[in-house]
């Protein structure tokens, strides 16, 4: 019996690591949720574009719809590590450092899965850390989805390349209901 429990203890982290996960981003609420097997396991404030929604090149808008994590940059970097062109510059900034707003800490590159967001990858649309943490929770980015450094580290560690990201123009609770109903089709008609 002891051997069985030891085996399960080794197996459980592997099962959890490969569980069905999706990221839901609510534009109206400026919130992101990590959903695992239909259950919300984490919520974070975010900042999407101050220039609205869309996917036109040079629009600085946040694209809507289904995307996926196409790449992960920054594993093991210190919080506040500045990235330029996907590479660390060697500079590390503290939250709310005055002067500018570079990409920091971690980068999740996004690839559009629909016609309406097909330019997301070539536009350099990411989920990434920001030094302007005081503005997270309201639209303020140039198209990307910004997060506080500690939050983007947690999300980065919880997802893998290929994880689906749904950017929705609905309240987060409505987006979570859709994610739950996809994970459990019996809920779709239940009013849950």
Protein backbone atom coordinates (compact mmCIF):
# COMPACT_ATOMS: atom_id res chain seq x y z
CA UNK A 1 0.00 0.00 0.00
CA UNK A 2 2.85 2.37 0.83
CA UNK A 3 4.33 1.76 -2.63
CA UNK A 4 1.02 2.71 -4.26
CA UNK A 5 0.86 6.02 -2.36
CA UNK A 6 4.48 6.79 -3.26
CA UNK A 7 3.71 6.10 -6.93
CA UNK A 8 0.61 8.34 -6.84
CA UNK A 9 2.60 11.11 -5.14
CA UNK A 10 5.04 11.02 -8.04
CA UNK A 11 2.30 10.83 -10.67
CA UNK A 12 -0.04 13.59 -9.42
CA UNK A 13 2.18 16.58 -10.29
CA UNK A 14 2.59 15.18 -13.81
CA UNK A 15 -1.16 14.80 -14.23
CA UNK A 16 -1.78 18.33 -12.91
CA UNK A 17 0.91 19.77 -15.20
CA UNK A 18 -0.78 18.29 -18.25
CA UNK A 19 -4.39 19.04 -17.26
CA UNK A 20 -6.70 20.81 -19.71
CA UNK A 21 -6.08 24.54 -19.18
CA UNK A 22 -7.39 27.67 -20.85
CA UNK A 23 -6.79 31.35 -20.17
CA UNK A 24 -9.81 33.69 -20.31
CA UNK A 25 -9.29 37.45 -20.65
CA UNK A 26 -12.25 39.76 -20.04
CA UNK A 27 -11.92 43.15 -21.77
CA UNK A 28 -14.75 44.88 -19.81
CA UNK A 29 -13.51 43.60 -16.44
CA UNK A 30 -9.78 43.92 -17.25
CA UNK A 31 -9.31 40.52 -15.58
CA UNK A 32 -7.70 37.23 -16.60
CA UNK A 33 -8.64 33.80 -15.30
CA UNK A 34 -6.76 30.53 -15.52
CA UNK A 35 -9.22 27.68 -15.94
CA UNK A 36 -8.25 24.05 -15.40
CA UNK A 37 -10.70 21.29 -16.36
CA UNK A 38 -13.56 23.80 -16.21
CA UNK A 39 -12.66 25.24 -12.77
CA UNK A 40 -11.21 28.70 -12.25
CA UNK A 41 -7.92 28.19 -10.39
CA UNK A 42 -6.55 31.77 -10.49
CA UNK A 43 -7.65 35.33 -11.33
CA UNK A 44 -5.48 38.34 -12.05
CA UNK A 45 -6.02 41.99 -13.02
CA UNK A 46 -4.70 42.92 -16.47
CA UNK A 47 -4.36 45.93 -18.72
CA UNK A 48 -5.42 45.66 -22.36
CA UNK A 49 -5.12 48.31 -25.07
CA UNK A 50 -5.97 51.94 -24.51
CA UNK A 51 -6.63 52.03 -28.29
CA UNK A 52 -9.52 49.57 -28.28
CA UNK A 53 -10.01 46.22 -29.95
CA UNK A 54 -8.84 44.85 -33.28
CA UNK A 55 -6.00 43.24 -35.18
CA UNK A 56 -4.98 45.75 -37.85
CA UNK A 57 -1.20 46.24 -38.11
CA UNK A 58 0.01 49.39 -36.31
CA UNK A 59 -3.41 49.83 -34.65
CA UNK A 60 -2.10 49.22 -31.10
CA UNK A 61 -5.42 47.42 -30.43
CA UNK A 62 -5.90 44.19 -28.49
CA UNK A 63 -7.18 41.35 -30.71
CA UNK A 64 -10.32 39.46 -29.69
CA UNK A 65 -11.02 35.74 -30.02
CA UNK A 66 -9.19 32.45 -29.71
CA UNK A 67 -5.40 32.58 -29.57
CA UNK A 68 -2.75 30.21 -28.26
CA UNK A 69 0.55 30.52 -26.44
CA UNK A 70 3.11 30.33 -29.26
CA UNK A 71 6.23 30.85 -27.16
CA UNK A 72 7.47 31.44 -23.63
CA UNK A 73 10.37 33.83 -22.98
CA UNK A 74 12.08 34.65 -19.70
CA UNK A 75 11.95 31.46 -17.63
CA UNK A 76 14.06 31.97 -14.52
CA UNK A 77 14.64 35.68 -15.10
CA UNK A 78 14.45 38.01 -12.11
CA UNK A 79 11.19 39.94 -11.67
CA UNK A 80 11.57 43.25 -13.48
CA UNK A 81 14.07 41.95 -16.06
CA UNK A 82 13.73 44.17 -19.13
CA UNK A 83 13.28 42.49 -22.54
CA UNK A 84 13.89 44.10 -25.93
CA UNK A 85 13.26 42.07 -29.07
CA UNK A 86 12.58 39.01 -26.91
CA UNK A 87 16.01 39.16 -25.25
CA UNK A 88 16.96 40.33 -21.75
CA UNK A 89 18.85 43.65 -21.80
CA UNK A 90 20.55 43.10 -18.44
CA UNK A 91 18.49 45.86 -16.84
CA UNK A 92 16.12 45.08 -13.95
CA UNK A 93 13.44 47.60 -12.95
CA UNK A 94 11.26 47.71 -9.86
CA UNK A 95 7.45 48.05 -10.06
CA UNK A 96 6.24 51.57 -10.89
CA UNK A 97 9.76 52.77 -11.76
CA UNK A 98 9.43 56.23 -13.30
CA UNK A 99 10.29 57.08 -16.86
CA UNK A 100 9.14 54.39 -19.25
CA UNK A 101 7.17 51.17 -19.66
CA UNK A 102 9.26 48.33 -21.12
CA UNK A 103 8.29 44.67 -21.38
CA UNK A 104 9.51 42.96 -18.21
CA UNK A 105 9.70 39.69 -16.25
CA UNK A 106 8.07 37.13 -18.62
CA UNK A 107 6.62 37.00 -22.15
CA UNK A 108 3.90 34.70 -23.46
CA UNK A 109 3.82 35.15 -27.24
CA UNK A 110 0.34 34.80 -28.72
CA UNK A 111 -0.72 33.39 -32.08
CA UNK A 112 -4.22 34.07 -33.43
CA UNK A 113 -6.34 31.05 -34.28
CA UNK A 114 -9.07 32.94 -36.15
CA UNK A 115 -9.20 35.20 -39.19
CA UNK A 116 -10.07 38.19 -36.98
CA UNK A 117 -6.82 37.83 -34.98
CA UNK A 118 -4.51 36.22 -37.52
CA UNK A 119 -1.98 39.08 -37.34
CA UNK A 120 -1.48 38.82 -33.55
CA UNK A 121 1.84 36.96 -33.76
CA UNK A 122 3.36 39.18 -36.45
CA UNK A 123 2.18 42.27 -34.50
CA UNK A 124 4.04 41.06 -31.40
CA UNK A 125 0.98 40.64 -29.21
CA UNK A 126 2.02 39.17 -25.85
CA UNK A 127 0.92 38.61 -22.32
CA UNK A 128 3.81 40.20 -20.41
CA UNK A 129 4.92 41.93 -17.26
CA UNK A 130 4.86 45.70 -16.88
CA UNK A 131 6.64 48.14 -14.62
CA UNK A 132 3.53 50.34 -14.60
CA UNK A 133 1.73 48.10 -12.11
CA UNK A 134 -0.33 50.99 -10.72
CA UNK A 135 -2.24 51.10 -14.05
CA UNK A 136 -3.01 47.38 -14.23
CA UNK A 137 -6.77 46.91 -14.03
CA UNK A 138 -7.65 49.48 -16.68
CA UNK A 139 -6.98 49.75 -20.43
CA UNK A 140 -3.50 51.22 -20.82
CA UNK A 141 -1.38 49.03 -23.12
CA UNK A 142 -0.36 49.33 -26.75
CA UNK A 143 -2.14 46.11 -27.75
CA UNK A 144 -0.59 43.53 -25.44
CA UNK A 145 -2.09 42.14 -22.24
CA UNK A 146 -0.04 43.52 -19.35
CA UNK A 147 0.21 41.97 -15.90
CA UNK A 148 1.99 42.66 -12.61
CA UNK A 149 5.33 40.85 -12.44
CA UNK A 150 4.33 38.41 -9.68
CA UNK A 151 1.12 37.56 -11.56
CA UNK A 152 2.77 36.98 -14.96
CA UNK A 153 5.32 34.69 -13.29
CA UNK A 154 2.49 32.59 -11.81
CA UNK A 155 0.66 32.42 -15.17
CA UNK A 156 3.89 31.68 -17.09
CA UNK A 157 4.62 28.75 -14.77
CA UNK A 158 1.06 27.39 -15.10
CA UNK A 159 0.74 27.30 -18.91
CA UNK A 160 2.67 25.73 -21.74
CA UNK A 161 3.10 26.39 -25.43
CA UNK A 162 -0.22 25.55 -27.08
CA UNK A 163 -2.40 26.66 -24.16
CA UNK A 164 -5.55 28.29 -25.52
CA UNK A 165 -6.17 31.98 -24.68
CA UNK A 166 -9.66 33.43 -25.19
CA UNK A 167 -9.83 37.23 -25.29
CA UNK A 168 -13.49 38.12 -24.87
CA UNK A 169 -15.51 41.32 -24.84
CA UNK A 170 -17.81 39.97 -22.10
CA UNK A 171 -17.68 40.01 -18.28
CA UNK A 172 -15.30 37.43 -16.80
CA UNK A 173 -18.10 35.42 -15.18
CA UNK A 174 -19.74 34.93 -18.58
CA UNK A 175 -16.41 33.81 -20.06
CA UNK A 176 -15.91 31.38 -17.18
CA UNK A 177 -19.37 29.91 -17.76
CA UNK A 178 -18.44 29.24 -21.39
CA UNK A 179 -15.17 27.58 -20.30
CA UNK A 180 -17.03 25.41 -17.76
CA UNK A 181 -19.63 24.33 -20.31
CA UNK A 182 -16.90 23.33 -22.79
CA UNK A 183 -15.17 21.28 -20.09
CA UNK A 184 -18.47 19.70 -19.04
CA UNK A 185 -21.04 19.63 -21.89
CA UNK A 186 -23.81 18.64 -19.43
CA UNK A 187 -23.66 22.20 -18.01
CA UNK A 188 -24.31 23.87 -21.37
CA UNK A 189 -28.10 23.76 -20.99
CA UNK A 190 -28.29 23.87 -17.20
CA UNK A 191 -28.18 27.63 -16.64
CA UNK A 192 -25.07 27.13 -14.46
